[in-house]
Protein backbone atom coordinates (compact mmCIF):
# COMPACT_ATOMS: atom_id res chain seq x y z
CA UNK A 1 -2.59 -33.45 -5.17
CA UNK A 2 -5.58 -31.90 -2.89
CA UNK A 3 -5.16 -28.60 -1.51
CA UNK A 4 -5.03 -29.09 2.52
CA UNK A 5 -8.04 -27.28 4.14
CA UNK A 6 -8.16 -24.00 5.58
CA UNK A 7 -7.63 -23.62 9.68
CA UNK A 8 -8.63 -20.46 10.09
CA UNK A 9 -11.92 -20.50 10.93
CA UNK A 10 -11.11 -22.78 14.10
CA UNK A 11 -9.67 -20.34 15.34
CA UNK A 12 -11.17 -16.95 13.98
CA UNK A 13 -13.51 -14.31 17.31
CA UNK A 14 -16.07 -14.47 14.89
CA UNK A 15 -16.51 -17.97 14.84
CA UNK A 16 -15.45 -18.50 18.13
CA UNK A 17 -18.46 -15.61 19.01
CA UNK A 18 -21.01 -17.27 17.06
CA UNK A 19 -20.15 -20.73 19.06
CA UNK A 20 -20.58 -19.42 22.41
CA UNK A 21 -23.99 -18.14 21.23
CA UNK A 22 -24.12 -21.28 19.82
CA UNK A 23 -23.38 -23.53 22.67
CA UNK A 24 -24.13 -21.74 25.81
CA UNK A 25 -27.49 -18.86 25.00
CA UNK A 26 -29.12 -21.81 22.46
CA UNK A 27 -28.06 -25.57 22.84
CA UNK A 28 -27.21 -25.64 26.53
CA UNK A 29 -30.93 -24.74 27.42
CA UNK A 30 -32.34 -26.50 25.37
CA UNK A 31 -30.39 -30.03 26.62
CA UNK A 32 -30.72 -29.42 30.01
CA UNK A 33 -34.74 -28.43 29.15
CA UNK A 34 -35.34 -31.84 27.36
CA UNK A 35 -32.95 -33.92 29.03
CA UNK A 36 -31.81 -34.62 33.42
CA UNK A 37 -28.24 -34.05 32.86
CA UNK A 38 -25.46 -35.36 35.44
CA UNK A 39 -21.87 -34.27 34.89
CA UNK A 40 -19.10 -36.97 36.87
CA UNK A 41 -15.88 -36.62 37.09
CA UNK A 42 -15.51 -33.17 35.78
CA UNK A 43 -11.96 -32.20 38.78
CA UNK A 44 -10.07 -35.35 36.37
CA UNK A 45 -9.63 -32.22 33.97
CA UNK A 46 -8.62 -30.00 36.01
CA UNK A 47 -4.59 -28.82 34.86
CA UNK A 48 -5.80 -29.89 32.16
CA UNK A 49 -3.98 -28.00 29.89
CA UNK A 50 -4.38 -27.72 25.26
CA UNK A 51 -3.86 -29.73 23.21
CA UNK A 52 -5.27 -32.97 23.87
CA UNK A 53 -8.05 -35.83 22.22
CA UNK A 54 -11.63 -36.60 24.10
CA UNK A 55 -12.40 -40.00 23.63
CA UNK A 56 -15.65 -40.80 23.64
CA UNK A 57 -18.71 -43.58 22.54
CA UNK A 58 -20.66 -43.10 20.58
CA UNK A 59 -24.90 -43.90 20.54
CA UNK A 60 -27.23 -40.83 19.02
CA UNK A 61 -27.04 -37.39 17.71
CA UNK A 62 -27.06 -36.56 21.48
CA UNK A 63 -23.74 -37.54 22.28
CA UNK A 64 -21.83 -34.72 20.72
CA UNK A 65 -24.54 -31.51 22.30
CA UNK A 66 -23.53 -32.84 26.04
CA UNK A 67 -20.06 -31.93 25.21
CA UNK A 68 -19.97 -28.90 23.55
CA UNK A 69 -22.00 -27.73 26.92
CA UNK A 70 -21.12 -29.75 29.60
CA UNK A 71 -17.58 -29.82 29.32
CA UNK A 72 -15.77 -26.61 30.65
CA UNK A 73 -16.22 -23.83 28.83
CA UNK A 74 -12.62 -22.72 28.79
CA UNK A 75 -12.01 -26.28 26.78
CA UNK A 76 -14.93 -26.40 23.96
CA UNK A 77 -14.61 -22.07 23.15
CA UNK A 78 -11.68 -24.15 20.85
CA UNK A 79 -12.35 -27.35 20.36
CA UNK A 80 -13.53 -29.21 17.39
CA UNK A 81 -15.80 -32.08 17.02
CA UNK A 82 -15.61 -35.32 14.35
CA UNK A 83 -18.59 -35.63 12.26
CA UNK A 84 -18.75 -38.03 8.55
CA UNK A 85 -18.37 -36.00 6.21
CA UNK A 86 -21.36 -38.68 3.83
CA UNK A 87 -23.76 -37.52 6.22
CA UNK A 88 -22.87 -33.82 7.87
CA UNK A 89 -21.02 -32.40 4.63
CA UNK A 90 -23.55 -33.47 2.59
CA UNK A 91 -25.48 -30.31 1.84
CA UNK A 92 -23.91 -26.89 2.49
CA UNK A 93 -27.08 -25.59 4.96
CA UNK A 94 -25.64 -28.47 7.32
CA UNK A 95 -22.22 -28.65 6.67
CA UNK A 96 -22.66 -24.32 8.28
CA UNK A 97 -24.80 -25.27 10.85
CA UNK A 98 -22.80 -27.86 12.43
CA UNK A 99 -19.50 -25.79 11.86
CA UNK A 100 -21.63 -23.69 13.79
CA UNK A 101 -22.97 -25.39 17.17
CA UNK A 102 -20.24 -27.73 16.79
CA UNK A 103 -16.97 -26.51 15.04
CA UNK A 104 -17.11 -29.46 12.69
CA UNK A 105 -13.98 -31.14 11.29
CA UNK A 106 -14.82 -33.99 8.53
CA UNK A 107 -14.19 -37.63 8.37
CA UNK A 108 -14.17 -39.26 5.41
CA UNK A 109 -16.24 -43.34 6.23
CA UNK A 110 -17.01 -43.69 2.34
CA UNK A 111 -14.34 -44.34 -0.90
CA UNK A 112 -17.02 -41.48 -2.01
CA UNK A 113 -15.51 -38.95 0.93
CA UNK A 114 -11.81 -39.84 0.96
CA UNK A 115 -10.01 -37.63 1.58
CA UNK A 116 -12.11 -34.61 2.94
CA UNK A 117 -10.94 -33.03 5.76
CA UNK A 118 -7.32 -35.42 5.27
CA UNK A 119 -4.63 -34.42 7.86
CA UNK A 120 -7.01 -31.90 9.12
CA UNK A 121 -7.46 -33.75 13.15
CA UNK A 122 -3.31 -33.64 13.01
CA UNK A 123 -2.87 -29.75 11.45
CA UNK A 124 -5.65 -28.76 14.21
CA UNK A 125 -3.81 -30.86 17.60
CA UNK A 126 -0.71 -29.15 16.12
CA UNK A 127 -2.04 -25.03 16.73
CA UNK A 128 -3.44 -25.90 20.38
CA UNK A 129 -7.18 -26.58 18.91
CA UNK A 130 -8.69 -29.21 21.37
CA UNK A 131 -10.54 -32.42 19.07
CA UNK A 132 -13.58 -34.34 19.74
CA UNK A 133 -13.07 -38.22 18.03
CA UNK A 134 -15.79 -41.15 18.57
CA UNK A 135 -13.64 -43.88 18.04
CA UNK A 136 -16.08 -46.71 17.13
CA UNK A 137 -17.31 -44.53 14.00
CA UNK A 138 -20.64 -45.25 14.11
CA UNK A 139 -23.78 -44.49 16.80
CA UNK A 140 -24.98 -48.00 15.24
CA UNK A 141 -24.02 -50.54 17.87
CA UNK A 142 -25.67 -53.81 17.93
CA UNK A 143 -22.66 -55.15 19.86
CA UNK A 144 -23.92 -54.08 23.23
CA UNK A 145 -21.79 -51.94 25.38
CA UNK A 146 -18.52 -50.51 23.49
CA UNK A 147 -18.17 -51.17 19.88
CA UNK A 148 -14.65 -51.87 19.45
CA UNK A 149 -12.75 -48.54 18.30
CA UNK A 150 -10.59 -47.84 15.76
CA UNK A 151 -6.99 -47.00 15.86
CA UNK A 152 -7.78 -43.49 14.09
CA UNK A 153 -8.14 -41.30 18.21
CA UNK A 154 -4.60 -43.61 19.83
CA UNK A 155 -2.77 -43.09 16.24
CA UNK A 156 -3.22 -39.40 16.72
CA UNK A 157 -2.20 -38.68 20.18
CA UNK A 158 0.70 -41.04 19.52
CA UNK A 159 1.51 -39.11 16.26
CA UNK A 160 1.39 -35.61 17.93
CA UNK A 161 2.13 -36.79 21.67
CA UNK A 162 -0.93 -35.78 23.40
CA UNK A 163 -3.03 -37.11 26.20
CA UNK A 164 -6.53 -38.43 25.10
CA UNK A 165 -9.87 -37.76 27.49
CA UNK A 166 -11.33 -40.82 27.84
CA UNK A 167 -15.41 -39.68 27.93
CA UNK A 168 -18.41 -42.39 28.83
CA UNK A 169 -21.67 -41.07 27.71
CA UNK A 170 -24.20 -42.98 29.14
CA UNK A 171 -28.76 -42.33 28.87
CA UNK A 172 -27.86 -40.26 25.41
CA UNK A 173 -28.71 -44.30 23.20
CA UNK A 174 -32.30 -43.92 25.22
CA UNK A 175 -32.72 -40.66 25.48
CA UNK A 176 -32.71 -39.74 21.86
CA UNK A 177 -32.33 -43.59 19.78
CA UNK A 178 -30.57 -43.65 16.02
CA UNK A 179 -33.94 -42.34 14.18
CA UNK A 180 -35.15 -39.67 16.54
CA UNK A 181 -33.96 -35.96 15.67
CA UNK A 182 -35.58 -34.63 19.26
CA UNK A 183 -34.54 -35.98 23.25
CA UNK A 184 -38.37 -38.12 24.29
CA UNK A 185 -40.77 -36.43 26.75
CA UNK A 186 -40.38 -36.35 30.12
CA UNK A 187 -35.99 -35.20 30.75
CA UNK A 188 -34.39 -38.71 30.49
CA UNK A 189 -31.50 -39.07 32.82
CA UNK A 190 -28.02 -38.41 30.53
CA UNK A 191 -25.11 -38.55 31.88
CA UNK A 192 -20.93 -37.50 31.32
CA UNK A 193 -18.41 -39.75 32.83
CA UNK A 194 -15.14 -38.63 32.57
CA UNK A 195 -11.86 -40.25 33.27
CA UNK A 196 -8.37 -39.31 33.76
CA UNK A 197 -6.28 -37.74 31.32
CA UNK A 198 -4.50 -41.24 29.29
CA UNK A 199 -0.97 -40.22 27.89
CA UNK A 200 0.69 -42.69 25.36
CA UNK A 201 3.73 -44.84 27.05
CA UNK A 202 7.47 -44.30 25.51
CA UNK A 203 7.56 -46.95 22.99
CA UNK A 204 3.38 -48.00 23.24
CA UNK A 205 1.88 -48.85 19.97
CA UNK A 206 -1.90 -47.89 18.57
CA UNK A 207 -3.30 -50.96 19.06
CA UNK A 208 -2.23 -50.83 22.44
CA UNK A 209 -3.04 -47.62 22.60
CA UNK A 210 -6.43 -48.27 21.31
CA UNK A 211 -7.24 -50.52 24.35
CA UNK A 212 -6.24 -48.85 26.58
CA UNK A 213 -8.60 -46.50 25.66
CA UNK A 214 -11.71 -48.24 24.53
CA UNK A 215 -10.86 -50.52 28.27
CA UNK A 216 -11.43 -46.97 29.97
CA UNK A 217 -14.84 -46.04 28.33
CA UNK A 218 -16.15 -49.14 28.31
CA UNK A 219 -16.18 -49.67 32.56
CA UNK A 220 -16.81 -46.38 32.24
CA UNK A 221 -20.00 -46.62 30.56
CA UNK A 222 -20.67 -50.18 32.46
CA UNK A 223 -20.23 -49.01 36.19
CA UNK A 224 -20.82 -44.52 35.86
CA UNK A 225 -17.40 -44.71 36.99
CA UNK A 226 -14.56 -42.06 36.42
CA UNK A 227 -12.20 -44.18 38.14
CA UNK A 228 -13.38 -47.68 37.24
CA UNK A 229 -10.46 -49.95 35.12
CA UNK A 230 -11.12 -52.48 32.99
CA UNK A 231 -9.21 -55.09 30.44
CA UNK A 232 -8.46 -55.08 27.13
CA UNK A 233 -10.43 -57.24 24.48
CA UNK A 234 -7.06 -58.93 23.09
CA UNK A 235 -8.97 -61.65 20.62
CA UNK A 236 -8.30 -62.19 17.74
CA UNK A 237 -11.88 -60.47 15.88
CA UNK A 238 -11.03 -57.04 15.28
CA UNK A 239 -12.69 -56.82 12.01
CA UNK A 240 -11.29 -52.73 11.89
CA UNK A 241 -7.38 -53.19 12.55
CA UNK A 242 -6.40 -57.06 10.68
CA UNK A 243 -3.19 -56.76 11.51
CA UNK A 244 -0.99 -55.06 14.09
CA UNK A 245 1.26 -54.31 11.81
CA UNK A 246 -0.83 -51.91 10.05
CA UNK A 247 1.74 -48.48 9.62
CA UNK A 248 1.46 -45.61 11.41
CA UNK A 249 0.59 -44.00 8.27
CA UNK A 250 -2.03 -45.45 7.24
CA UNK A 251 -3.65 -45.00 10.67
CA UNK A 252 -3.40 -41.72 10.96
CA UNK A 253 -5.17 -40.85 7.07
CA UNK A 254 -7.88 -43.28 8.34
CA UNK A 255 -8.21 -40.18 12.12
CA UNK A 256 -7.70 -37.88 9.60
């Protein structure tokens, strides 16, 4: 059995200070110099206690910088962002850089990386560390709107009994498309739309909560309104979750 990854650095004072310098003194000025940032619905975070799960759509490498620089510092000072193990943990220097700027934890997307960071998201939440999950699983979206959500975030929410904060990220796909590593000239507009926290209901299944989160984020992406509500897409074509009877254990492993 593989040894569990340590969570010490997520609590270390030196790492928290390094993240403050990286996120607020370096990254935030760059984000504001290269894009025109708007934040809507920040009042929905008033009184929110840790831990919680930020659930956001994902279309650009600009998404994580927006989240860690524009969400309130009282949350981002400890917040951890999930990152693809096959990409961001491929080389030591990339792992180190993303660790300092985004407080990342690895998520396996390929068989070769299976097991990296397994159970880490659950452990971080149990240690009062908020986490960011991108349930679409990839930046490449050929469906238009919001790609179908994978069940990991909902499974974590139910397992840990913590709320999810739905966030719509608008404009980053145009400002810094896939394949680009710097925003386009002219300070393109980008918007962070923060919805009210969504908690699992008594007896709610993972699939049902996944559909509620997906509908909420999709509605906010479409309208730019933090109060927008959408209807779950209940169709048979869910390649990421072919059977409603999939075990909670398997779903939590995907989230880890």
